[in-house]
Amino acid sequence: MGELQTLPNIADKLEAQLTEVGIPTIDALKQTGSREAWLRIAAIDPSACYMRLCALEGAIQGVRWHHLDEGTKKEMKAFYQLHQMRK
């Protein structure tokens, strides 16, 4: 288990993807932000979904993604939908 897996929502696969896209530490994830991290992952994994975006945001906030506030979830959904239309 690496450093990133100490955060909520981050398991083996997501940690490996974050490392692959140049985000190997908690500090790097916080500096990069959930949206940019998700965009980088989506570039290498077309199955990157809304829930993965929320998982990243939850990890940064220190909560399970299910417990993100409704405003944050709406923002994440709008961001995800915008980038789905660009595909």
PDB file of N, CA and C in Angstrom:
ATOM      1  N   MET A   1       0.838  -1.182   0.000  1.00  0.00           N
ATOM      2  CA  MET A   1       0.000   0.000   0.000  1.00  0.00           C
ATOM      3  C   MET A   1       0.881   1.243   0.000  1.00  0.00           C
ATOM      4  N   GLY A   2       0.598   2.126  -0.931  1.00  0.00           N
ATOM      5  CA  GLY A   2       1.363   3.357  -1.020  1.00  0.00           C
ATOM      6  C   GLY A   2       0.724   4.481  -0.222  1.00  0.00           C
ATOM      7  N   GLU A   3       1.367   5.609  -0.260  1.00  0.00           N
ATOM      8  CA  GLU A   3       0.908   6.787   0.481  1.00  0.00           C
ATOM      9  C   GLU A   3      -0.505   7.208   0.096  1.00  0.00           C
ATOM     10  N   LEU A   4      -0.804   7.191  -1.199  1.00  0.00           N
ATOM     11  CA  LEU A   4      -2.123   7.643  -1.651  1.00  0.00           C
ATOM     12  C   LEU A   4      -3.256   6.784  -1.108  1.00  0.00           C
ATOM     13  N   GLN A   5      -2.988   5.522  -0.864  1.00  0.00           N
ATOM     14  CA  GLN A   5      -4.034   4.626  -0.370  1.00  0.00           C
ATOM     15  C   GLN A   5      -4.417   4.910   1.086  1.00  0.00           C
ATOM     16  N   THR A   6      -3.709   5.799   1.739  1.00  0.00           N
ATOM     17  CA  THR A   6      -4.126   6.198   3.087  1.00  0.00           C
ATOM     18  C   THR A   6      -5.298   7.164   3.034  1.00  0.00           C
ATOM     19  N   LEU A   7      -5.596   7.687   1.843  1.00  0.00           N
ATOM     20  CA  LEU A   7      -6.727   8.585   1.652  1.00  0.00           C
ATOM     21  C   LEU A   7      -8.001   7.781   1.395  1.00  0.00           C
ATOM     22  N   PRO A   8      -9.156   8.327   1.769  1.00  0.00           N
ATOM     23  CA  PRO A   8     -10.414   7.656   1.429  1.00  0.00           C
ATOM     24  C   PRO A   8     -10.559   7.551  -0.090  1.00  0.00           C
ATOM     25  N   ASN A   9     -11.183   6.510  -0.548  1.00  0.00           N
ATOM     26  CA  ASN A   9     -11.538   6.289  -1.959  1.00  0.00           C
ATOM     27  C   ASN A   9     -10.387   5.824  -2.851  1.00  0.00           C
ATOM     28  N   ILE A  10      -9.172   5.782  -2.346  1.00  0.00           N
ATOM     29  CA  ILE A  10      -8.028   5.426  -3.187  1.00  0.00           C
ATOM     30  C   ILE A  10      -7.606   3.989  -2.881  1.00  0.00           C
ATOM     31  N   ALA A  11      -7.758   3.125  -3.875  1.00  0.00           N
ATOM     32  CA  ALA A  11      -7.316   1.730  -3.764  1.00  0.00           C
ATOM     33  C   ALA A  11      -6.194   1.503  -4.772  1.00  0.00           C
ATOM     34  N   ASP A  12      -5.789   0.260  -4.925  1.00  0.00           N
ATOM     35  CA  ASP A  12      -4.639  -0.091  -5.775  1.00  0.00           C
ATOM     36  C   ASP A  12      -4.705   0.524  -7.171  1.00  0.00           C
ATOM     37  N   LYS A  13      -5.820   0.298  -7.866  1.00  0.00           N
ATOM     38  CA  LYS A  13      -5.923   0.721  -9.267  1.00  0.00           C
ATOM     39  C   LYS A  13      -5.826   2.238  -9.403  1.00  0.00           C
ATOM     40  N   LEU A  14      -6.564   2.955  -8.577  1.00  0.00           N
ATOM     41  CA  LEU A  14      -6.551   4.415  -8.687  1.00  0.00           C
ATOM     42  C   LEU A  14      -5.186   4.977  -8.290  1.00  0.00           C
ATOM     43  N   GLU A  15      -4.564   4.398  -7.288  1.00  0.00           N
ATOM     44  CA  GLU A  15      -3.225   4.844  -6.923  1.00  0.00           C
ATOM     45  C   GLU A  15      -2.250   4.610  -8.077  1.00  0.00           C
ATOM     46  N   ALA A  16      -2.345   3.461  -8.718  1.00  0.00           N
ATOM     47  CA  ALA A  16      -1.464   3.166  -9.855  1.00  0.00           C
ATOM     48  C   ALA A  16      -1.696   4.161 -10.990  1.00  0.00           C
ATOM     49  N   GLN A  17      -2.948   4.495 -11.253  1.00  0.00           N
ATOM     50  CA  GLN A  17      -3.244   5.461 -12.306  1.00  0.00           C
ATOM     51  C   GLN A  17      -2.714   6.842 -11.954  1.00  0.00           C
ATOM     52  N   LEU A  18      -2.895   7.258 -10.722  1.00  0.00           N
ATOM     53  CA  LEU A  18      -2.376   8.558 -10.307  1.00  0.00           C
ATOM     54  C   LEU A  18      -0.859   8.615 -10.467  1.00  0.00           C
ATOM     55  N   THR A  19      -0.198   7.563 -10.061  1.00  0.00           N
ATOM     56  CA  THR A  19       1.257   7.513 -10.200  1.00  0.00           C
ATOM     57  C   THR A  19       1.653   7.572 -11.676  1.00  0.00           C
ATOM     58  N   GLU A  20       0.921   6.833 -12.503  1.00  0.00           N
ATOM     59  CA  GLU A  20       1.223   6.803 -13.938  1.00  0.00           C
ATOM     60  C   GLU A  20       1.098   8.180 -14.591  1.00  0.00           C
ATOM     61  N   VAL A  21       0.166   8.983 -14.096  1.00  0.00           N
ATOM     62  CA  VAL A  21      -0.038  10.307 -14.699  1.00  0.00           C
ATOM     63  C   VAL A  21       0.736  11.409 -13.964  1.00  0.00           C
ATOM     64  N   GLY A  22       1.688  11.010 -13.142  1.00  0.00           N
ATOM     65  CA  GLY A  22       2.579  11.983 -12.516  1.00  0.00           C
ATOM     66  C   GLY A  22       2.101  12.573 -11.211  1.00  0.00           C
ATOM     67  N   ILE A  23       1.213  11.842 -10.517  1.00  0.00           N
ATOM     68  CA  ILE A  23       0.696  12.311  -9.229  1.00  0.00           C
ATOM     69  C   ILE A  23       0.963  11.211  -8.190  1.00  0.00           C
ATOM     70  N   PRO A  24       2.199  11.127  -7.690  1.00  0.00           N
ATOM     71  CA  PRO A  24       2.574  10.000  -6.842  1.00  0.00           C
ATOM     72  C   PRO A  24       2.374  10.194  -5.336  1.00  0.00           C
ATOM     73  N   THR A  25       2.009  11.411  -4.909  1.00  0.00           N
ATOM     74  CA  THR A  25       1.910  11.679  -3.469  1.00  0.00           C
ATOM     75  C   THR A  25       0.617  12.420  -3.138  1.00  0.00           C
ATOM     76  N   ILE A  26       0.293  12.451  -1.861  1.00  0.00           N
ATOM     77  CA  ILE A  26      -0.878  13.190  -1.393  1.00  0.00           C
ATOM     78  C   ILE A  26      -0.727  14.665  -1.717  1.00  0.00           C
ATOM     79  N   ASP A  27       0.439  15.226  -1.442  1.00  0.00           N
ATOM     80  CA  ASP A  27       0.664  16.644  -1.747  1.00  0.00           C
ATOM     81  C   ASP A  27       0.488  16.929  -3.234  1.00  0.00           C
ATOM     82  N   ALA A  28       1.009  16.055  -4.068  1.00  0.00           N
ATOM     83  CA  ALA A  28       0.870  16.244  -5.520  1.00  0.00           C
ATOM     84  C   ALA A  28      -0.599  16.207  -5.933  1.00  0.00           C
ATOM     85  N   LEU A  29      -1.381  15.313  -5.330  1.00  0.00           N
ATOM     86  CA  LEU A  29      -2.810  15.231  -5.641  1.00  0.00           C
ATOM     87  C   LEU A  29      -3.513  16.513  -5.217  1.00  0.00           C
ATOM     88  N   LYS A  30      -3.217  16.988  -4.034  1.00  0.00           N
ATOM     89  CA  LYS A  30      -3.855  18.219  -3.550  1.00  0.00           C
ATOM     90  C   LYS A  30      -3.476  19.412  -4.414  1.00  0.00           C
ATOM     91  N   GLN A  31      -2.223  19.483  -4.841  1.00  0.00           N
ATOM     92  CA  GLN A  31      -1.784  20.590  -5.692  1.00  0.00           C
ATOM     93  C   GLN A  31      -2.404  20.503  -7.090  1.00  0.00           C
ATOM     94  N   THR A  32      -2.543  19.294  -7.591  1.00  0.00           N
ATOM     95  CA  THR A  32      -3.101  19.090  -8.930  1.00  0.00           C
ATOM     96  C   THR A  32      -4.598  19.332  -8.946  1.00  0.00           C
ATOM     97  N   GLY A  33      -5.277  18.869  -7.921  1.00  0.00           N
ATOM     98  CA  GLY A  33      -6.730  18.991  -7.845  1.00  0.00           C
ATOM     99  C   GLY A  33      -7.429  17.824  -8.509  1.00  0.00           C
ATOM    100  N   SER A  34      -8.653  17.600  -8.102  1.00  0.00           N
ATOM    101  CA  SER A  34      -9.403  16.441  -8.591  1.00  0.00           C
ATOM    102  C   SER A  34      -9.698  16.515 -10.083  1.00  0.00           C
ATOM    103  N   ARG A  35     -10.038  17.686 -10.571  1.00  0.00           N
ATOM    104  CA  ARG A  35     -10.415  17.818 -11.981  1.00  0.00           C
ATOM    105  C   ARG A  35      -9.241  17.527 -12.910  1.00  0.00           C
ATOM    106  N   GLU A  36      -8.102  18.146 -12.633  1.00  0.00           N
ATOM    107  CA  GLU A  36      -6.925  17.920 -13.473  1.00  0.00           C
ATOM    108  C   GLU A  36      -6.454  16.469 -13.348  1.00  0.00           C
ATOM    109  N   ALA A  37      -6.488  15.926 -12.144  1.00  0.00           N
ATOM    110  CA  ALA A  37      -6.094  14.522 -11.955  1.00  0.00           C
ATOM    111  C   ALA A  37      -7.003  13.612 -12.774  1.00  0.00           C
ATOM    112  N   TRP A  38      -8.312  13.884 -12.739  1.00  0.00           N
ATOM    113  CA  TRP A  38      -9.259  13.073 -13.496  1.00  0.00           C
ATOM    114  C   TRP A  38      -9.019  13.200 -15.002  1.00  0.00           C
ATOM    115  N   LEU A  39      -8.762  14.417 -15.479  1.00  0.00           N
ATOM    116  CA  LEU A  39      -8.483  14.602 -16.906  1.00  0.00           C
ATOM    117  C   LEU A  39      -7.269  13.795 -17.343  1.00  0.00           C
ATOM    118  N   ARG A  40      -6.239  13.792 -16.531  1.00  0.00           N
ATOM    119  CA  ARG A  40      -5.042  13.020 -16.857  1.00  0.00           C
ATOM    120  C   ARG A  40      -5.346  11.524 -16.887  1.00  0.00           C
ATOM    121  N   ILE A  41      -6.134  11.070 -15.925  1.00  0.00           N
ATOM    122  CA  ILE A  41      -6.497   9.640 -15.893  1.00  0.00           C
ATOM    123  C   ILE A  41      -7.389   9.302 -17.089  1.00  0.00           C
ATOM    124  N   ALA A  42      -8.346  10.163 -17.387  1.00  0.00           N
ATOM    125  CA  ALA A  42      -9.253   9.914 -18.519  1.00  0.00           C
ATOM    126  C   ALA A  42      -8.485   9.820 -19.835  1.00  0.00           C
ATOM    127  N   ALA A  43      -7.363  10.514 -19.923  1.00  0.00           N
ATOM    128  CA  ALA A  43      -6.551  10.470 -21.142  1.00  0.00           C
ATOM    129  C   ALA A  43      -5.911   9.098 -21.347  1.00  0.00           C
ATOM    130  N   ILE A  44      -5.705   8.348 -20.270  1.00  0.00           N
ATOM    131  CA  ILE A  44      -5.107   7.018 -20.394  1.00  0.00           C
ATOM    132  C   ILE A  44      -6.113   5.889 -20.164  1.00  0.00           C
ATOM    133  N   ASP A  45      -7.290   6.233 -19.633  1.00  0.00           N
ATOM    134  CA  ASP A  45      -8.307   5.224 -19.329  1.00  0.00           C
ATOM    135  C   ASP A  45      -9.688   5.768 -19.677  1.00  0.00           C
ATOM    136  N   PRO A  46     -10.210   5.409 -20.847  1.00  0.00           N
ATOM    137  CA  PRO A  46     -11.513   5.934 -21.265  1.00  0.00           C
ATOM    138  C   PRO A  46     -12.673   5.506 -20.370  1.00  0.00           C
ATOM    139  N   SER A  47     -12.449   4.569 -19.465  1.00  0.00           N
ATOM    140  CA  SER A  47     -13.524   4.165 -18.561  1.00  0.00           C
ATOM    141  C   SER A  47     -13.615   5.071 -17.330  1.00  0.00           C
ATOM    142  N   ALA A  48     -12.753   6.094 -17.253  1.00  0.00           N
ATOM    143  CA  ALA A  48     -12.800   7.024 -16.116  1.00  0.00           C
ATOM    144  C   ALA A  48     -14.189   7.662 -16.069  1.00  0.00           C
ATOM    145  N   CYS A  49     -14.861   7.537 -14.943  1.00  0.00           N
ATOM    146  CA  CYS A  49     -16.257   7.931 -14.836  1.00  0.00           C
ATOM    147  C   CYS A  49     -16.457   9.027 -13.786  1.00  0.00           C
ATOM    148  N   TYR A  50     -17.688   9.442 -13.676  1.00  0.00           N
ATOM    149  CA  TYR A  50     -18.089  10.454 -12.698  1.00  0.00           C
ATOM    150  C   TYR A  50     -17.711  10.029 -11.280  1.00  0.00           C
ATOM    151  N   MET A  51     -17.932   8.778 -10.957  1.00  0.00           N
ATOM    152  CA  MET A  51     -17.621   8.303  -9.610  1.00  0.00           C
ATOM    153  C   MET A  51     -16.124   8.390  -9.318  1.00  0.00           C
ATOM    154  N   ARG A  52     -15.295   8.171 -10.323  1.00  0.00           N
ATOM    155  CA  ARG A  52     -13.851   8.290 -10.115  1.00  0.00           C
ATOM    156  C   ARG A  52     -13.474   9.748  -9.859  1.00  0.00           C
ATOM    157  N   LEU A  53     -14.109  10.654 -10.573  1.00  0.00           N
ATOM    158  CA  LEU A  53     -13.897  12.076 -10.334  1.00  0.00           C
ATOM    159  C   LEU A  53     -14.280  12.433  -8.898  1.00  0.00           C
ATOM    160  N   CYS A  54     -15.433  11.966  -8.459  1.00  0.00           N
ATOM    161  CA  CYS A  54     -15.882  12.226  -7.088  1.00  0.00           C
ATOM    162  C   CYS A  54     -14.956  11.556  -6.071  1.00  0.00           C
ATOM    163  N   ALA A  55     -14.458  10.375  -6.397  1.00  0.00           N
ATOM    164  CA  ALA A  55     -13.523   9.691  -5.501  1.00  0.00           C
ATOM    165  C   ALA A  55     -12.273  10.534  -5.290  1.00  0.00           C
ATOM    166  N   LEU A  56     -11.786  11.141  -6.354  1.00  0.00           N
ATOM    167  CA  LEU A  56     -10.605  11.997  -6.250  1.00  0.00           C
ATOM    168  C   LEU A  56     -10.889  13.221  -5.390  1.00  0.00           C
ATOM    169  N   GLU A  57     -12.036  13.853  -5.613  1.00  0.00           N
ATOM    170  CA  GLU A  57     -12.396  15.019  -4.809  1.00  0.00           C
ATOM    171  C   GLU A  57     -12.575  14.632  -3.343  1.00  0.00           C
ATOM    172  N   GLY A  58     -13.235  13.509  -3.105  1.00  0.00           N
ATOM    173  CA  GLY A  58     -13.406  13.041  -1.732  1.00  0.00           C
ATOM    174  C   GLY A  58     -12.077  12.752  -1.059  1.00  0.00           C
ATOM    175  N   ALA A  59     -11.154  12.171  -1.803  1.00  0.00           N
ATOM    176  CA  ALA A  59      -9.828  11.887  -1.254  1.00  0.00           C
ATOM    177  C   ALA A  59      -9.147  13.178  -0.823  1.00  0.00           C
ATOM    178  N   ILE A  60      -9.252  14.202  -1.646  1.00  0.00           N
ATOM    179  CA  ILE A  60      -8.648  15.489  -1.317  1.00  0.00           C
ATOM    180  C   ILE A  60      -9.314  16.095  -0.078  1.00  0.00           C
ATOM    181  N   GLN A  61     -10.626  15.956   0.016  1.00  0.00           N
ATOM    182  CA  GLN A  61     -11.352  16.508   1.164  1.00  0.00           C
ATOM    183  C   GLN A  61     -11.281  15.613   2.398  1.00  0.00           C
ATOM    184  N   GLY A  62     -10.817  14.375   2.217  1.00  0.00           N
ATOM    185  CA  GLY A  62     -10.706  13.455   3.347  1.00  0.00           C
ATOM    186  C   GLY A  62     -11.997  12.764   3.722  1.00  0.00           C
ATOM    187  N   VAL A  63     -12.912  12.605   2.741  1.00  0.00           N
ATOM    188  CA  VAL A  63     -14.194  11.947   2.993  1.00  0.00           C
ATOM    189  C   VAL A  63     -14.483  10.914   1.912  1.00  0.00           C
ATOM    190  N   ARG A  64     -15.314   9.938   2.248  1.00  0.00           N
ATOM    191  CA  ARG A  64     -15.804   9.019   1.225  1.00  0.00           C
ATOM    192  C   ARG A  64     -16.585   9.840   0.219  1.00  0.00           C
ATOM    193  N   TRP A  65     -16.488   9.489  -1.054  1.00  0.00           N
ATOM    194  CA  TRP A  65     -17.112  10.316  -2.089  1.00  0.00           C
ATOM    195  C   TRP A  65     -18.619  10.419  -1.918  1.00  0.00           C
ATOM    196  N   HIS A  66     -19.239   9.422  -1.306  1.00  0.00           N
ATOM    197  CA  HIS A  66     -20.683   9.449  -1.070  1.00  0.00           C
ATOM    198  C   HIS A  66     -21.082  10.596  -0.144  1.00  0.00           C
ATOM    199  N   HIS A  67     -20.129  11.070   0.654  1.00  0.00           N
ATOM    200  CA  HIS A  67     -20.412  12.101   1.651  1.00  0.00           C
ATOM    201  C   HIS A  67     -20.031  13.510   1.199  1.00  0.00           C
ATOM    202  N   LEU A  68     -19.690  13.667  -0.069  1.00  0.00           N
ATOM    203  CA  LEU A  68     -19.453  15.016  -0.589  1.00  0.00           C
ATOM    204  C   LEU A  68     -20.761  15.798  -0.506  1.00  0.00           C
ATOM    205  N   ASP A  69     -20.666  17.095  -0.242  1.00  0.00           N
ATOM    206  CA  ASP A  69     -21.891  17.885  -0.171  1.00  0.00           C
ATOM    207  C   ASP A  69     -22.526  17.988  -1.562  1.00  0.00           C
ATOM    208  N   GLU A  70     -23.795  18.288  -1.572  1.00  0.00           N
ATOM    209  CA  GLU A  70     -24.555  18.292  -2.830  1.00  0.00           C
ATOM    210  C   GLU A  70     -24.020  19.323  -3.825  1.00  0.00           C
ATOM    211  N   GLY A  71     -23.576  20.455  -3.334  1.00  0.00           N
ATOM    212  CA  GLY A  71     -23.019  21.467  -4.228  1.00  0.00           C
ATOM    213  C   GLY A  71     -21.778  20.964  -4.942  1.00  0.00           C
ATOM    214  N   THR A  72     -20.916  20.293  -4.207  1.00  0.00           N
ATOM    215  CA  THR A  72     -19.705  19.732  -4.813  1.00  0.00           C
ATOM    216  C   THR A  72     -20.064  18.663  -5.821  1.00  0.00           C
ATOM    217  N   LYS A  73     -21.022  17.808  -5.487  1.00  0.00           N
ATOM    218  CA  LYS A  73     -21.441  16.766  -6.423  1.00  0.00           C
ATOM    219  C   LYS A  73     -21.989  17.382  -7.716  1.00  0.00           C
ATOM    220  N   LYS A  74     -22.754  18.456  -7.599  1.00  0.00           N
ATOM    221  CA  LYS A  74     -23.288  19.132  -8.793  1.00  0.00           C
ATOM    222  C   LYS A  74     -22.162  19.692  -9.648  1.00  0.00           C
ATOM    223  N   GLU A  75     -21.174  20.311  -9.001  1.00  0.00           N
ATOM    224  CA  GLU A  75     -20.026  20.846  -9.731  1.00  0.00           C
ATOM    225  C   GLU A  75     -19.263  19.732 -10.444  1.00  0.00           C
ATOM    226  N   MET A  76     -19.060  18.624  -9.759  1.00  0.00           N
ATOM    227  CA  MET A  76     -18.350  17.491 -10.353  1.00  0.00           C
ATOM    228  C   MET A  76     -19.137  16.937 -11.539  1.00  0.00           C
ATOM    229  N   LYS A  77     -20.453  16.845 -11.390  1.00  0.00           N
ATOM    230  CA  LYS A  77     -21.308  16.313 -12.459  1.00  0.00           C
ATOM    231  C   LYS A  77     -21.252  17.221 -13.692  1.00  0.00           C
ATOM    232  N   ALA A  78     -21.326  18.535 -13.475  1.00  0.00           N
ATOM    233  CA  ALA A  78     -21.269  19.474 -14.594  1.00  0.00           C
ATOM    234  C   ALA A  78     -19.914  19.381 -15.307  1.00  0.00           C
ATOM    235  N   PHE A  79     -18.841  19.298 -14.546  1.00  0.00           N
ATOM    236  CA  PHE A  79     -17.504  19.166 -15.122  1.00  0.00           C
ATOM    237  C   PHE A  79     -17.404  17.877 -15.928  1.00  0.00           C
ATOM    238  N   TYR A  80     -17.872  16.780 -15.347  1.00  0.00           N
ATOM    239  CA  TYR A  80     -17.834  15.476 -16.027  1.00  0.00           C
ATOM    240  C   TYR A  80     -18.632  15.532 -17.326  1.00  0.00           C
ATOM    241  N   GLN A  81     -19.844  16.061 -17.277  1.00  0.00           N
ATOM    242  CA  GLN A  81     -20.685  16.111 -18.472  1.00  0.00           C
ATOM    243  C   GLN A  81     -20.068  16.983 -19.561  1.00  0.00           C
ATOM    244  N   LEU A  82     -19.473  18.089 -19.175  1.00  0.00           N
ATOM    245  CA  LEU A  82     -18.813  18.957 -20.148  1.00  0.00           C
ATOM    246  C   LEU A  82     -17.716  18.193 -20.885  1.00  0.00           C
ATOM    247  N   HIS A  83     -16.943  17.419 -20.155  1.00  0.00           N
ATOM    248  CA  HIS A  83     -15.841  16.705 -20.782  1.00  0.00           C
ATOM    249  C   HIS A  83     -16.291  15.442 -21.510  1.00  0.00           C
ATOM    250  N   GLN A  84     -17.444  14.931 -21.179  1.00  0.00           N
ATOM    251  CA  GLN A  84     -17.996  13.793 -21.926  1.00  0.00           C
ATOM    252  C   GLN A  84     -18.470  14.269 -23.294  1.00  0.00           C
ATOM    253  N   MET A  85     -18.992  15.471 -23.374  1.00  0.00           N
ATOM    254  CA  MET A  85     -19.478  16.007 -24.654  1.00  0.00           C
ATOM    255  C   MET A  85     -18.315  16.269 -25.613  1.00  0.00           C
ATOM    256  N   ARG A  86     -17.136  16.517 -25.072  1.00  0.00           N
ATOM    257  CA  ARG A  86     -15.966  16.816 -25.909  1.00  0.00           C
ATOM    258  C   ARG A  86     -15.338  15.574 -26.511  1.00  0.00           C
ATOM    259  N   LYS A  87     -15.739  14.414 -26.050  1.00  0.00           N
ATOM    260  CA  LYS A  87     -15.144  13.168 -26.568  1.00  0.00           C
ATOM    261  C   LYS A  87     -15.657  12.859 -27.962  1.00  0.00           C
TER     262      LYS A  87
END
